[in-house]
N, C-alpha and C. Protein backbone atom coordinates (compact mmCIF):
# COMPACT_ATOMS: atom_id res chain seq x y z
N UNK A 1 7.93 -194.18 72.64
CA UNK A 1 6.92 -195.21 72.47
C UNK A 1 6.04 -194.84 71.29
N UNK A 2 5.76 -195.84 70.46
CA UNK A 2 4.91 -195.61 69.30
C UNK A 2 3.48 -195.28 69.74
N UNK A 3 2.79 -194.41 69.01
CA UNK A 3 1.42 -194.05 69.38
C UNK A 3 0.47 -195.26 69.43
N UNK A 4 0.68 -196.20 68.53
CA UNK A 4 -0.18 -197.38 68.51
C UNK A 4 0.00 -198.22 69.78
N UNK A 5 1.24 -198.36 70.24
CA UNK A 5 1.53 -199.10 71.47
C UNK A 5 0.95 -198.37 72.67
N UNK A 6 1.13 -197.07 72.70
CA UNK A 6 0.60 -196.26 73.80
C UNK A 6 -0.92 -196.36 73.86
N UNK A 7 -1.55 -196.32 72.71
CA UNK A 7 -3.00 -196.44 72.64
C UNK A 7 -3.48 -197.79 73.16
N UNK A 8 -2.78 -198.85 72.78
CA UNK A 8 -3.14 -200.18 73.27
C UNK A 8 -3.02 -200.29 74.77
N UNK A 9 -1.94 -199.75 75.32
CA UNK A 9 -1.76 -199.79 76.78
C UNK A 9 -2.83 -198.98 77.50
N UNK A 10 -3.17 -197.83 76.95
CA UNK A 10 -4.20 -197.00 77.59
C UNK A 10 -5.58 -197.65 77.53
N UNK A 11 -5.91 -198.26 76.39
CA UNK A 11 -7.20 -198.95 76.31
C UNK A 11 -7.23 -200.15 77.26
N UNK A 12 -6.09 -200.81 77.42
CA UNK A 12 -6.01 -201.89 78.40
C UNK A 12 -6.26 -201.39 79.80
N UNK A 13 -5.68 -200.24 80.15
CA UNK A 13 -5.89 -199.66 81.47
C UNK A 13 -7.35 -199.29 81.69
N UNK A 14 -7.99 -198.76 80.66
CA UNK A 14 -9.41 -198.42 80.77
C UNK A 14 -10.24 -199.67 81.00
N UNK A 15 -9.93 -200.75 80.29
CA UNK A 15 -10.66 -202.00 80.48
C UNK A 15 -10.47 -202.56 81.88
N UNK A 16 -9.24 -202.52 82.39
CA UNK A 16 -8.97 -203.05 83.73
C UNK A 16 -9.68 -202.21 84.79
N UNK A 17 -9.62 -200.90 84.66
CA UNK A 17 -10.29 -200.04 85.64
C UNK A 17 -11.81 -200.20 85.58
N UNK A 18 -12.35 -200.37 84.38
CA UNK A 18 -13.79 -200.59 84.24
C UNK A 18 -14.19 -201.89 84.94
N UNK A 19 -13.38 -202.93 84.79
CA UNK A 19 -13.67 -204.18 85.48
C UNK A 19 -13.67 -203.97 86.99
N UNK A 20 -12.67 -203.28 87.51
CA UNK A 20 -12.58 -203.07 88.96
C UNK A 20 -13.76 -202.26 89.48
N UNK A 21 -14.19 -201.25 88.72
CA UNK A 21 -15.36 -200.46 89.12
C UNK A 21 -16.61 -201.32 89.14
N UNK A 22 -16.80 -202.13 88.12
CA UNK A 22 -17.98 -203.00 88.07
C UNK A 22 -17.96 -204.04 89.19
N UNK A 23 -16.79 -204.59 89.49
CA UNK A 23 -16.69 -205.57 90.58
C UNK A 23 -17.00 -204.91 91.92
N UNK A 24 -16.50 -203.69 92.13
CA UNK A 24 -16.78 -202.98 93.38
C UNK A 24 -18.26 -202.63 93.49
N UNK A 25 -18.85 -202.19 92.39
CA UNK A 25 -20.28 -201.87 92.39
C UNK A 25 -21.13 -203.08 92.70
N UNK A 26 -20.76 -204.22 92.15
CA UNK A 26 -21.49 -205.45 92.43
C UNK A 26 -21.43 -205.79 93.92
N UNK A 27 -20.24 -205.66 94.49
CA UNK A 27 -20.09 -205.96 95.92
C UNK A 27 -20.88 -204.99 96.78
N UNK A 28 -20.95 -203.75 96.38
CA UNK A 28 -21.71 -202.77 97.16
C UNK A 28 -23.21 -203.03 97.10
N UNK A 29 -23.69 -203.46 95.95
CA UNK A 29 -25.13 -203.66 95.78
C UNK A 29 -25.63 -205.02 96.25
N UNK A 30 -24.85 -206.04 96.06
CA UNK A 30 -25.37 -207.38 96.31
C UNK A 30 -24.69 -208.08 97.48
N UNK A 31 -23.54 -208.62 97.29
CA UNK A 31 -22.91 -209.40 98.35
C UNK A 31 -21.40 -209.33 98.20
N UNK A 32 -20.69 -209.57 99.29
CA UNK A 32 -19.24 -209.65 99.17
C UNK A 32 -18.85 -210.75 98.19
N UNK A 33 -17.93 -210.42 97.35
CA UNK A 33 -17.56 -211.37 96.30
C UNK A 33 -16.19 -211.95 96.52
N UNK A 34 -15.35 -211.75 95.57
CA UNK A 34 -14.01 -212.34 95.57
C UNK A 34 -13.01 -211.42 96.28
N UNK A 35 -11.88 -211.98 96.63
CA UNK A 35 -10.88 -211.21 97.36
C UNK A 35 -10.19 -210.19 96.45
N UNK A 36 -9.49 -209.26 97.08
CA UNK A 36 -8.83 -208.20 96.34
C UNK A 36 -7.75 -208.75 95.40
N UNK A 37 -7.00 -209.73 95.86
CA UNK A 37 -5.95 -210.29 95.01
C UNK A 37 -6.51 -210.96 93.76
N UNK A 38 -7.63 -211.63 93.91
CA UNK A 38 -8.26 -212.27 92.75
C UNK A 38 -8.76 -211.20 91.78
N UNK A 39 -9.36 -210.14 92.32
CA UNK A 39 -9.82 -209.04 91.47
C UNK A 39 -8.67 -208.41 90.71
N UNK A 40 -7.55 -208.20 91.39
CA UNK A 40 -6.39 -207.61 90.73
C UNK A 40 -5.82 -208.54 89.66
N UNK A 41 -5.82 -209.84 89.93
CA UNK A 41 -5.34 -210.80 88.93
C UNK A 41 -6.24 -210.79 87.69
N UNK A 42 -7.54 -210.74 87.91
CA UNK A 42 -8.47 -210.68 86.78
C UNK A 42 -8.30 -209.36 86.03
N UNK A 43 -8.06 -208.26 86.76
CA UNK A 43 -7.85 -206.97 86.11
C UNK A 43 -6.60 -206.99 85.23
N UNK A 44 -5.56 -207.69 85.65
CA UNK A 44 -4.36 -207.80 84.83
C UNK A 44 -4.66 -208.58 83.56
N UNK A 45 -5.45 -209.63 83.68
CA UNK A 45 -5.84 -210.41 82.49
C UNK A 45 -6.69 -209.54 81.56
N UNK A 46 -7.63 -208.80 82.12
CA UNK A 46 -8.47 -207.91 81.30
C UNK A 46 -7.59 -206.86 80.62
N UNK A 47 -6.63 -206.29 81.34
CA UNK A 47 -5.72 -205.30 80.78
C UNK A 47 -4.97 -205.89 79.58
N UNK A 48 -4.46 -207.10 79.77
CA UNK A 48 -3.67 -207.74 78.72
C UNK A 48 -4.52 -208.02 77.48
N UNK A 49 -5.69 -208.59 77.69
CA UNK A 49 -6.56 -208.94 76.56
C UNK A 49 -7.07 -207.68 75.86
N UNK A 50 -7.50 -206.69 76.63
CA UNK A 50 -8.01 -205.46 76.03
C UNK A 50 -6.92 -204.71 75.29
N UNK A 51 -5.75 -204.63 75.90
CA UNK A 51 -4.64 -203.94 75.25
C UNK A 51 -4.21 -204.63 73.97
N UNK A 52 -4.11 -205.95 74.02
CA UNK A 52 -3.72 -206.70 72.82
C UNK A 52 -4.78 -206.58 71.72
N UNK A 53 -6.04 -206.67 72.10
CA UNK A 53 -7.11 -206.57 71.11
C UNK A 53 -7.14 -205.19 70.47
N UNK A 54 -6.99 -204.14 71.28
CA UNK A 54 -7.01 -202.80 70.69
C UNK A 54 -5.79 -202.56 69.82
N UNK A 55 -4.65 -203.11 70.21
CA UNK A 55 -3.43 -202.96 69.40
C UNK A 55 -3.60 -203.67 68.06
N UNK A 56 -4.13 -204.89 68.11
CA UNK A 56 -4.26 -205.68 66.88
C UNK A 56 -5.38 -205.17 65.98
N UNK A 57 -6.46 -204.66 66.55
CA UNK A 57 -7.61 -204.26 65.76
C UNK A 57 -7.60 -202.79 65.35
N UNK A 58 -6.64 -202.02 65.87
CA UNK A 58 -6.63 -200.59 65.56
C UNK A 58 -6.49 -200.33 64.07
N UNK A 59 -5.59 -201.02 63.42
CA UNK A 59 -5.42 -200.84 61.98
C UNK A 59 -6.66 -201.22 61.20
N UNK A 60 -7.28 -202.30 61.57
CA UNK A 60 -8.49 -202.76 60.89
C UNK A 60 -9.63 -201.75 61.08
N UNK A 61 -9.77 -201.24 62.30
CA UNK A 61 -10.82 -200.25 62.56
C UNK A 61 -10.58 -198.96 61.80
N UNK A 62 -9.32 -198.54 61.72
CA UNK A 62 -9.01 -197.32 60.98
C UNK A 62 -9.30 -197.49 59.49
N UNK A 63 -9.00 -198.67 58.95
CA UNK A 63 -9.29 -198.92 57.54
C UNK A 63 -10.80 -198.96 57.28
N UNK A 64 -11.54 -199.61 58.15
CA UNK A 64 -12.98 -199.73 57.94
C UNK A 64 -13.69 -198.40 58.16
N UNK A 65 -13.09 -197.52 58.96
CA UNK A 65 -13.68 -196.21 59.20
C UNK A 65 -13.59 -195.34 57.95
N UNK A 66 -12.51 -195.48 57.19
CA UNK A 66 -12.33 -194.70 55.97
C UNK A 66 -13.27 -195.15 54.86
N UNK A 67 -13.73 -196.38 54.89
CA UNK A 67 -14.57 -196.90 53.80
C UNK A 67 -15.98 -196.42 53.86
């Protein structure tokens, strides 16, 4: 697997897990929210969007960092 692909997948996983932690924290502090299946579905969407964004923007960020 290419390093850029691996990086995108890992950033997607971090985004999905961060969403799940925030959703759980909200439920603990305030009120019961959405069901587990809905949370998992949203986490998959977050994973996909975060992974795709990090994959697509990695080259741009690396170029702007050198400037």
